[in-house]
PDB file of N, CA and C in Angstrom:
ATOM      1  N   UNK A   1      52.543  66.605  73.682  1.00  0.00           N
ATOM      2  CA  UNK A   1      52.709  65.959  74.970  1.00  0.00           C
ATOM      3  C   UNK A   1      52.584  67.029  76.049  1.00  0.00           C
ATOM      4  N   UNK A   2      51.953  66.669  77.139  1.00  0.00           N
ATOM      5  CA  UNK A   2      51.750  67.626  78.226  1.00  0.00           C
ATOM      6  C   UNK A   2      53.042  67.862  78.997  1.00  0.00           C
ATOM      7  N   UNK A   3      53.007  68.910  79.823  1.00  0.00           N
ATOM      8  CA  UNK A   3      54.195  69.247  80.615  1.00  0.00           C
ATOM      9  C   UNK A   3      54.540  68.104  81.571  1.00  0.00           C
ATOM     10  N   UNK A   4      53.549  67.516  82.186  1.00  0.00           N
ATOM     11  CA  UNK A   4      53.782  66.394  83.095  1.00  0.00           C
ATOM     12  C   UNK A   4      54.337  65.179  82.372  1.00  0.00           C
ATOM     13  N   UNK A   5      53.860  64.935  81.164  1.00  0.00           N
ATOM     14  CA  UNK A   5      54.359  63.815  80.371  1.00  0.00           C
ATOM     15  C   UNK A   5      55.807  63.997  79.969  1.00  0.00           C
ATOM     16  N   UNK A   6      56.151  65.231  79.572  1.00  0.00           N
ATOM     17  CA  UNK A   6      57.549  65.508  79.209  1.00  0.00           C
ATOM     18  C   UNK A   6      58.459  65.391  80.419  1.00  0.00           C
ATOM     19  N   UNK A   7      57.983  65.861  81.576  1.00  0.00           N
ATOM     20  CA  UNK A   7      58.785  65.766  82.799  1.00  0.00           C
ATOM     21  C   UNK A   7      58.975  64.303  83.198  1.00  0.00           C
ATOM     22  N   UNK A   8      57.918  63.497  83.101  1.00  0.00           N
ATOM     23  CA  UNK A   8      58.011  62.080  83.450  1.00  0.00           C
ATOM     24  C   UNK A   8      58.966  61.354  82.494  1.00  0.00           C
ATOM     25  N   UNK A   9      58.900  61.692  81.214  1.00  0.00           N
ATOM     26  CA  UNK A   9      59.797  61.085  80.240  1.00  0.00           C
ATOM     27  C   UNK A   9      61.247  61.465  80.523  1.00  0.00           C
ATOM     28  N   UNK A  10      61.479  62.731  80.871  1.00  0.00           N
ATOM     29  CA  UNK A  10      62.831  63.171  81.201  1.00  0.00           C
ATOM     30  C   UNK A  10      63.364  62.427  82.421  1.00  0.00           C
ATOM     31  N   UNK A  11      62.561  62.303  83.458  1.00  0.00           N
ATOM     32  CA  UNK A  11      62.995  61.606  84.674  1.00  0.00           C
ATOM     33  C   UNK A  11      63.282  60.140  84.372  1.00  0.00           C
ATOM     34  N   UNK A  12      62.439  59.517  83.569  1.00  0.00           N
ATOM     35  CA  UNK A  12      62.644  58.111  83.208  1.00  0.00           C
ATOM     36  C   UNK A  12      63.934  57.928  82.414  1.00  0.00           C
ATOM     37  N   UNK A  13      64.148  58.771  81.401  1.00  0.00           N
ATOM     38  CA  UNK A  13      65.365  58.660  80.593  1.00  0.00           C
ATOM     39  C   UNK A  13      66.611  58.995  81.402  1.00  0.00           C
ATOM     40  N   UNK A  14      66.524  59.994  82.277  1.00  0.00           N
ATOM     41  CA  UNK A  14      67.671  60.354  83.112  1.00  0.00           C
ATOM     42  C   UNK A  14      68.013  59.224  84.078  1.00  0.00           C
ATOM     43  N   UNK A  15      67.005  58.573  84.625  1.00  0.00           N
ATOM     44  CA  UNK A  15      67.243  57.458  85.545  1.00  0.00           C
ATOM     45  C   UNK A  15      67.896  56.282  84.825  1.00  0.00           C
ATOM     46  N   UNK A  16      67.380  55.937  83.658  1.00  0.00           N
ATOM     47  CA  UNK A  16      67.957  54.834  82.893  1.00  0.00           C
ATOM     48  C   UNK A  16      69.401  55.168  82.499  1.00  0.00           C
ATOM     49  N   UNK A  17      69.627  56.398  82.051  1.00  0.00           N
ATOM     50  CA  UNK A  17      70.975  56.814  81.690  1.00  0.00           C
ATOM     51  C   UNK A  17      71.933  56.747  82.863  1.00  0.00           C
ATOM     52  N   UNK A  18      71.468  57.200  84.024  1.00  0.00           N
ATOM     53  CA  UNK A  18      72.300  57.177  85.224  1.00  0.00           C
ATOM     54  C   UNK A  18      72.619  55.737  85.639  1.00  0.00           C
ATOM     55  N   UNK A  19      71.657  54.843  85.525  1.00  0.00           N
ATOM     56  CA  UNK A  19      71.898  53.436  85.857  1.00  0.00           C
ATOM     57  C   UNK A  19      72.906  52.804  84.897  1.00  0.00           C
ATOM     58  N   UNK A  20      72.799  53.138  83.616  1.00  0.00           N
ATOM     59  CA  UNK A  20      73.739  52.598  82.636  1.00  0.00           C
ATOM     60  C   UNK A  20      75.155  53.099  82.922  1.00  0.00           C
ATOM     61  N   UNK A  21      75.280  54.392  83.199  1.00  0.00           N
ATOM     62  CA  UNK A  21      76.601  54.959  83.507  1.00  0.00           C
ATOM     63  C   UNK A  21      77.169  54.308  84.771  1.00  0.00           C
ATOM     64  N   UNK A  22      76.342  54.129  85.790  1.00  0.00           N
ATOM     65  CA  UNK A  22      76.798  53.497  87.026  1.00  0.00           C
ATOM     66  C   UNK A  22      77.269  52.068  86.771  1.00  0.00           C
ATOM     67  N   UNK A  23      76.527  51.309  85.988  1.00  0.00           N
ATOM     68  CA  UNK A  23      76.903  49.924  85.696  1.00  0.00           C
ATOM     69  C   UNK A  23      78.206  49.862  84.908  1.00  0.00           C
ATOM     70  N   UNK A  24      78.357  50.747  83.934  1.00  0.00           N
ATOM     71  CA  UNK A  24      79.593  50.764  83.150  1.00  0.00           C
ATOM     72  C   UNK A  24      80.799  51.141  84.007  1.00  0.00           C
ATOM     73  N   UNK A  25      80.633  52.134  84.858  1.00  0.00           N
ATOM     74  CA  UNK A  25      81.726  52.529  85.746  1.00  0.00           C
ATOM     75  C   UNK A  25      82.066  51.417  86.736  1.00  0.00           C
ATOM     76  N   UNK A  26      81.059  50.753  87.277  1.00  0.00           N
ATOM     77  CA  UNK A  26      81.269  49.646  88.206  1.00  0.00           C
ATOM     78  C   UNK A  26      82.077  48.536  87.534  1.00  0.00           C
ATOM     79  N   UNK A  27      81.683  48.176  86.310  1.00  0.00           N
ATOM     80  CA  UNK A  27      82.403  47.132  85.581  1.00  0.00           C
ATOM     81  C   UNK A  27      83.839  47.567  85.280  1.00  0.00           C
ATOM     82  N   UNK A  28      84.020  48.825  84.895  1.00  0.00           N
ATOM     83  CA  UNK A  28      85.365  49.319  84.581  1.00  0.00           C
ATOM     84  C   UNK A  28      86.248  49.336  85.824  1.00  0.00           C
ATOM     85  N   UNK A  29      85.694  49.745  86.951  1.00  0.00           N
ATOM     86  CA  UNK A  29      86.473  49.782  88.196  1.00  0.00           C
ATOM     87  C   UNK A  29      86.851  48.370  88.635  1.00  0.00           C
ATOM     88  N   UNK A  30      85.910  47.431  88.548  1.00  0.00           N
ATOM     89  CA  UNK A  30      86.232  46.043  88.910  1.00  0.00           C
ATOM     90  C   UNK A  30      87.264  45.443  87.958  1.00  0.00           C
ATOM     91  N   UNK A  31      87.163  45.785  86.685  1.00  0.00           N
ATOM     92  CA  UNK A  31      88.149  45.301  85.715  1.00  0.00           C
ATOM     93  C   UNK A  31      89.533  45.849  86.041  1.00  0.00           C
ATOM     94  N   UNK A  32      89.601  47.138  86.325  1.00  0.00           N
ATOM     95  CA  UNK A  32      90.891  47.747  86.679  1.00  0.00           C
ATOM     96  C   UNK A  32      91.433  47.138  87.972  1.00  0.00           C
ATOM     97  N   UNK A  33      90.556  46.887  88.934  1.00  0.00           N
ATOM     98  CA  UNK A  33      90.980  46.259  90.194  1.00  0.00           C
ATOM     99  C   UNK A  33      91.534  44.855  89.936  1.00  0.00           C
ATOM    100  N   UNK A  34      90.861  44.106  89.082  1.00  0.00           N
ATOM    101  CA  UNK A  34      91.315  42.735  88.825  1.00  0.00           C
ATOM    102  C   UNK A  34      92.667  42.708  88.115  1.00  0.00           C
ATOM    103  N   UNK A  35      92.966  43.733  87.339  1.00  0.00           N
ATOM    104  CA  UNK A  35      94.256  43.782  86.647  1.00  0.00           C
ATOM    105  C   UNK A  35      95.390  44.303  87.528  1.00  0.00           C
ATOM    106  N   UNK A  36      95.044  45.063  88.562  1.00  0.00           N
ATOM    107  CA  UNK A  36      96.087  45.693  89.376  1.00  0.00           C
ATOM    108  C   UNK A  36      96.115  45.104  90.780  1.00  0.00           C
ATOM    109  N   UNK A  37      95.351  45.659  91.673  1.00  0.00           N
ATOM    110  CA  UNK A  37      95.402  45.253  93.078  1.00  0.00           C
ATOM    111  C   UNK A  37      94.818  43.874  93.345  1.00  0.00           C
ATOM    112  N   UNK A  38      93.917  43.417  92.509  1.00  0.00           N
ATOM    113  CA  UNK A  38      93.284  42.116  92.708  1.00  0.00           C
ATOM    114  C   UNK A  38      94.258  40.954  92.671  1.00  0.00           C
ATOM    115  N   UNK A  39      95.355  41.151  92.007  1.00  0.00           N
ATOM    116  CA  UNK A  39      96.358  40.081  91.932  1.00  0.00           C
ATOM    117  C   UNK A  39      97.136  39.932  93.239  1.00  0.00           C
ATOM    118  N   UNK A  40      97.218  41.025  93.998  1.00  0.00           N
ATOM    119  CA  UNK A  40      98.014  41.010  95.227  1.00  0.00           C
ATOM    120  C   UNK A  40      97.156  40.979  96.492  1.00  0.00           C
ATOM    121  N   UNK A  41      96.019  41.640  96.451  1.00  0.00           N
ATOM    122  CA  UNK A  41      95.140  41.731  97.620  1.00  0.00           C
ATOM    123  C   UNK A  41      93.884  40.917  97.386  1.00  0.00           C
ATOM    124  N   UNK A  42      93.490  40.156  98.353  1.00  0.00           N
ATOM    125  CA  UNK A  42      92.267  39.366  98.263  1.00  0.00           C
ATOM    126  C   UNK A  42      91.206  40.005  99.154  1.00  0.00           C
ATOM    127  N   UNK A  43      90.618  41.115  98.679  1.00  0.00           N
ATOM    128  CA  UNK A  43      89.658  41.853  99.496  1.00  0.00           C
ATOM    129  C   UNK A  43      88.222  41.372  99.326  1.00  0.00           C
ATOM    130  N   UNK A  44      87.904  40.738  98.221  1.00  0.00           N
ATOM    131  CA  UNK A  44      86.587  40.162  97.987  1.00  0.00           C
ATOM    132  C   UNK A  44      85.450  41.147  98.113  1.00  0.00           C
ATOM    133  N   UNK A  45      84.590  40.963  99.135  1.00  0.00           N
ATOM    134  CA  UNK A  45      83.405  41.812  99.262  1.00  0.00           C
ATOM    135  C   UNK A  45      83.742  43.286  99.504  1.00  0.00           C
ATOM    136  N   UNK A  46      84.867  43.555 100.131  1.00  0.00           N
ATOM    137  CA  UNK A  46      85.250  44.953 100.359  1.00  0.00           C
ATOM    138  C   UNK A  46      85.558  45.653  99.040  1.00  0.00           C
ATOM    139  N   UNK A  47      86.162  44.926  98.120  1.00  0.00           N
ATOM    140  CA  UNK A  47      86.452  45.488  96.799  1.00  0.00           C
ATOM    141  C   UNK A  47      85.158  45.754  96.042  1.00  0.00           C
ATOM    142  N   UNK A  48      84.199  44.837  96.142  1.00  0.00           N
ATOM    143  CA  UNK A  48      82.902  45.050  95.490  1.00  0.00           C
ATOM    144  C   UNK A  48      82.197  46.271  96.054  1.00  0.00           C
ATOM    145  N   UNK A  49      82.172  46.392  97.372  1.00  0.00           N
ATOM    146  CA  UNK A  49      81.518  47.538  98.006  1.00  0.00           C
ATOM    147  C   UNK A  49      82.219  48.840  97.631  1.00  0.00           C
ATOM    148  N   UNK A  50      83.539  48.840  97.685  1.00  0.00           N
ATOM    149  CA  UNK A  50      84.294  50.044  97.330  1.00  0.00           C
ATOM    150  C   UNK A  50      84.089  50.437  95.880  1.00  0.00           C
ATOM    151  N   UNK A  51      84.085  49.449  94.986  1.00  0.00           N
ATOM    152  CA  UNK A  51      83.855  49.731  93.568  1.00  0.00           C
ATOM    153  C   UNK A  51      82.465  50.293  93.349  1.00  0.00           C
ATOM    154  N   UNK A  52      81.479  49.767  94.070  1.00  0.00           N
ATOM    155  CA  UNK A  52      80.106  50.268  93.931  1.00  0.00           C
ATOM    156  C   UNK A  52      79.997  51.715  94.410  1.00  0.00           C
ATOM    157  N   UNK A  53      80.576  52.008  95.547  1.00  0.00           N
ATOM    158  CA  UNK A  53      80.506  53.373  96.087  1.00  0.00           C
ATOM    159  C   UNK A  53      81.212  54.353  95.147  1.00  0.00           C
ATOM    160  N   UNK A  54      82.378  53.981  94.664  1.00  0.00           N
ATOM    161  CA  UNK A  54      83.112  54.849  93.744  1.00  0.00           C
ATOM    162  C   UNK A  54      82.320  55.044  92.449  1.00  0.00           C
ATOM    163  N   UNK A  55      81.697  53.985  91.941  1.00  0.00           N
ATOM    164  CA  UNK A  55      80.907  54.081  90.714  1.00  0.00           C
ATOM    165  C   UNK A  55      79.709  55.009  90.895  1.00  0.00           C
ATOM    166  N   UNK A  56      79.044  54.921  92.035  1.00  0.00           N
ATOM    167  CA  UNK A  56      77.888  55.788  92.292  1.00  0.00           C
ATOM    168  C   UNK A  56      78.327  57.248  92.370  1.00  0.00           C
ATOM    169  N   UNK A  57      79.408  57.510  93.085  1.00  0.00           N
ATOM    170  CA  UNK A  57      79.894  58.896  93.210  1.00  0.00           C
ATOM    171  C   UNK A  57      80.301  59.445  91.843  1.00  0.00           C
ATOM    172  N   UNK A  58      81.033  58.652  91.074  1.00  0.00           N
ATOM    173  CA  UNK A  58      81.452  59.106  89.745  1.00  0.00           C
ATOM    174  C   UNK A  58      80.262  59.295  88.807  1.00  0.00           C
ATOM    175  N   UNK A  59      79.256  58.432  88.903  1.00  0.00           N
ATOM    176  CA  UNK A  59      78.095  58.589  88.029  1.00  0.00           C
ATOM    177  C   UNK A  59      77.309  59.850  88.368  1.00  0.00           C
ATOM    178  N   UNK A  60      77.258  60.209  89.640  1.00  0.00           N
ATOM    179  CA  UNK A  60      76.598  61.466  90.020  1.00  0.00           C
ATOM    180  C   UNK A  60      77.357  62.653  89.448  1.00  0.00           C
ATOM    181  N   UNK A  61      78.684  62.608  89.497  1.00  0.00           N
ATOM    182  CA  UNK A  61      79.486  63.684  88.932  1.00  0.00           C
ATOM    183  C   UNK A  61      79.323  63.769  87.413  1.00  0.00           C
ATOM    184  N   UNK A  62      79.311  62.624  86.740  1.00  0.00           N
ATOM    185  CA  UNK A  62      79.117  62.605  85.287  1.00  0.00           C
ATOM    186  C   UNK A  62      77.718  63.114  84.939  1.00  0.00           C
ATOM    187  N   UNK A  63      76.709  62.660  85.663  1.00  0.00           N
ATOM    188  CA  UNK A  63      75.327  63.083  85.421  1.00  0.00           C
ATOM    189  C   UNK A  63      75.175  64.593  85.608  1.00  0.00           C
ATOM    190  N   UNK A  64      75.792  65.129  86.646  1.00  0.00           N
ATOM    191  CA  UNK A  64      75.723  66.568  86.897  1.00  0.00           C
ATOM    192  C   UNK A  64      76.394  67.353  85.774  1.00  0.00           C
ATOM    193  N   UNK A  65      77.543  66.887  85.314  1.00  0.00           N
ATOM    194  CA  UNK A  65      78.250  67.576  84.239  1.00  0.00           C
ATOM    195  C   UNK A  65      77.446  67.543  82.939  1.00  0.00           C
ATOM    196  N   UNK A  66      76.869  66.402  82.621  1.00  0.00           N
ATOM    197  CA  UNK A  66      76.069  66.289  81.401  1.00  0.00           C
ATOM    198  C   UNK A  66      74.842  67.184  81.488  1.00  0.00           C
ATOM    199  N   UNK A  67      74.183  67.191  82.646  1.00  0.00           N
ATOM    200  CA  UNK A  67      72.991  68.017  82.815  1.00  0.00           C
ATOM    201  C   UNK A  67      73.313  69.500  82.703  1.00  0.00           C
ATOM    202  N   UNK A  68      74.450  69.930  83.244  1.00  0.00           N
ATOM    203  CA  UNK A  68      74.860  71.332  83.112  1.00  0.00           C
ATOM    204  C   UNK A  68      75.047  71.717  81.655  1.00  0.00           C
ATOM    205  N   UNK A  69      75.718  70.851  80.907  1.00  0.00           N
ATOM    206  CA  UNK A  69      75.939  71.133  79.483  1.00  0.00           C
ATOM    207  C   UNK A  69      74.630  71.179  78.712  1.00  0.00           C
ATOM    208  N   UNK A  70      73.721  70.243  78.990  1.00  0.00           N
ATOM    209  CA  UNK A  70      72.434  70.239  78.301  1.00  0.00           C
ATOM    210  C   UNK A  70      71.619  71.478  78.646  1.00  0.00           C
ATOM    211  N   UNK A  71      71.654  71.887  79.909  1.00  0.00           N
ATOM    212  CA  UNK A  71      70.925  73.102  80.307  1.00  0.00           C
ATOM    213  C   UNK A  71      71.470  74.322  79.582  1.00  0.00           C
ATOM    214  N   UNK A  72      72.789  74.405  79.475  1.00  0.00           N
ATOM    215  CA  UNK A  72      73.415  75.548  78.832  1.00  0.00           C
ATOM    216  C   UNK A  72      73.167  75.547  77.327  1.00  0.00           C
ATOM    217  N   UNK A  73      73.262  74.394  76.709  1.00  0.00           N
ATOM    218  CA  UNK A  73      73.196  74.314  75.254  1.00  0.00           C
ATOM    219  C   UNK A  73      71.760  74.368  74.721  1.00  0.00           C
ATOM    220  N   UNK A  74      70.836  73.674  75.366  1.00  0.00           N
ATOM    221  CA  UNK A  74      69.485  73.530  74.820  1.00  0.00           C
ATOM    222  C   UNK A  74      68.405  74.213  75.644  1.00  0.00           C
ATOM    223  N   UNK A  75      68.743  74.900  76.732  1.00  0.00           N
ATOM    224  CA  UNK A  75      67.751  75.501  77.630  1.00  0.00           C
ATOM    225  C   UNK A  75      66.712  74.438  78.014  1.00  0.00           C
ATOM    226  N   UNK A  76      67.169  73.458  78.746  1.00  0.00           N
ATOM    227  CA  UNK A  76      66.415  72.262  79.064  1.00  0.00           C
ATOM    228  C   UNK A  76      65.076  72.544  79.755  1.00  0.00           C
ATOM    229  N   UNK A  77      65.057  73.514  80.661  1.00  0.00           N
ATOM    230  CA  UNK A  77      63.805  73.822  81.356  1.00  0.00           C
ATOM    231  C   UNK A  77      62.724  74.270  80.382  1.00  0.00           C
ATOM    232  N   UNK A  78      63.106  75.074  79.395  1.00  0.00           N
ATOM    233  CA  UNK A  78      62.141  75.536  78.399  1.00  0.00           C
ATOM    234  C   UNK A  78      61.714  74.386  77.482  1.00  0.00           C
ATOM    235  N   UNK A  79      62.655  73.533  77.130  1.00  0.00           N
ATOM    236  CA  UNK A  79      62.359  72.396  76.258  1.00  0.00           C
ATOM    237  C   UNK A  79      61.395  71.420  76.927  1.00  0.00           C
ATOM    238  N   UNK A  80      61.588  71.171  78.216  1.00  0.00           N
ATOM    239  CA  UNK A  80      60.691  70.266  78.939  1.00  0.00           C
ATOM    240  C   UNK A  80      59.355  70.932  79.211  1.00  0.00           C
ATOM    241  N   UNK A  81      59.359  72.239  79.405  1.00  0.00           N
ATOM    242  CA  UNK A  81      58.114  72.954  79.624  1.00  0.00           C
ATOM    243  C   UNK A  81      57.979  73.535  81.005  1.00  0.00           C
ATOM    244  N   UNK A  82      59.067  73.627  81.757  1.00  0.00           N
ATOM    245  CA  UNK A  82      59.000  74.208  83.089  1.00  0.00           C
ATOM    246  C   UNK A  82      59.086  75.721  83.067  1.00  0.00           C
ATOM    247  N   UNK A  83      59.675  76.268  82.001  1.00  0.00           N
ATOM    248  CA  UNK A  83      59.861  77.709  81.900  1.00  0.00           C
ATOM    249  C   UNK A  83      59.181  78.171  80.617  1.00  0.00           C
ATOM    250  N   UNK A  84      58.522  79.314  80.686  1.00  0.00           N
ATOM    251  CA  UNK A  84      57.824  79.818  79.490  1.00  0.00           C
ATOM    252  C   UNK A  84      58.627  80.860  78.791  1.00  0.00           C
TER     253      UNK A  84
END
C-alpha cells in the first residue's frame, strides 16, 4: 500500500474511532444525567447540548491519550510511512 493510502486509511479509522467514542460518551453522560439530575431538573435541550459538548471534549482527550500511547509504543509515523 502506498504512503498516501496508509495515511488515508489511518485518517478514516481514526475518524470512525473518534465518532464511536463520542457517541458512547454522549450516551453515558445522558444516562448518568437521567439517573441523577434529570429527576430533579427539567433542562431538556440544555442537557442535550451540555452532554454533547462534554462528550466531544472528553473524546478529544481520550483520542489524544490513545494516539500518544500508539506513537510511543509502535512508532506510528514510521508504520504509516511518514518517517523513514
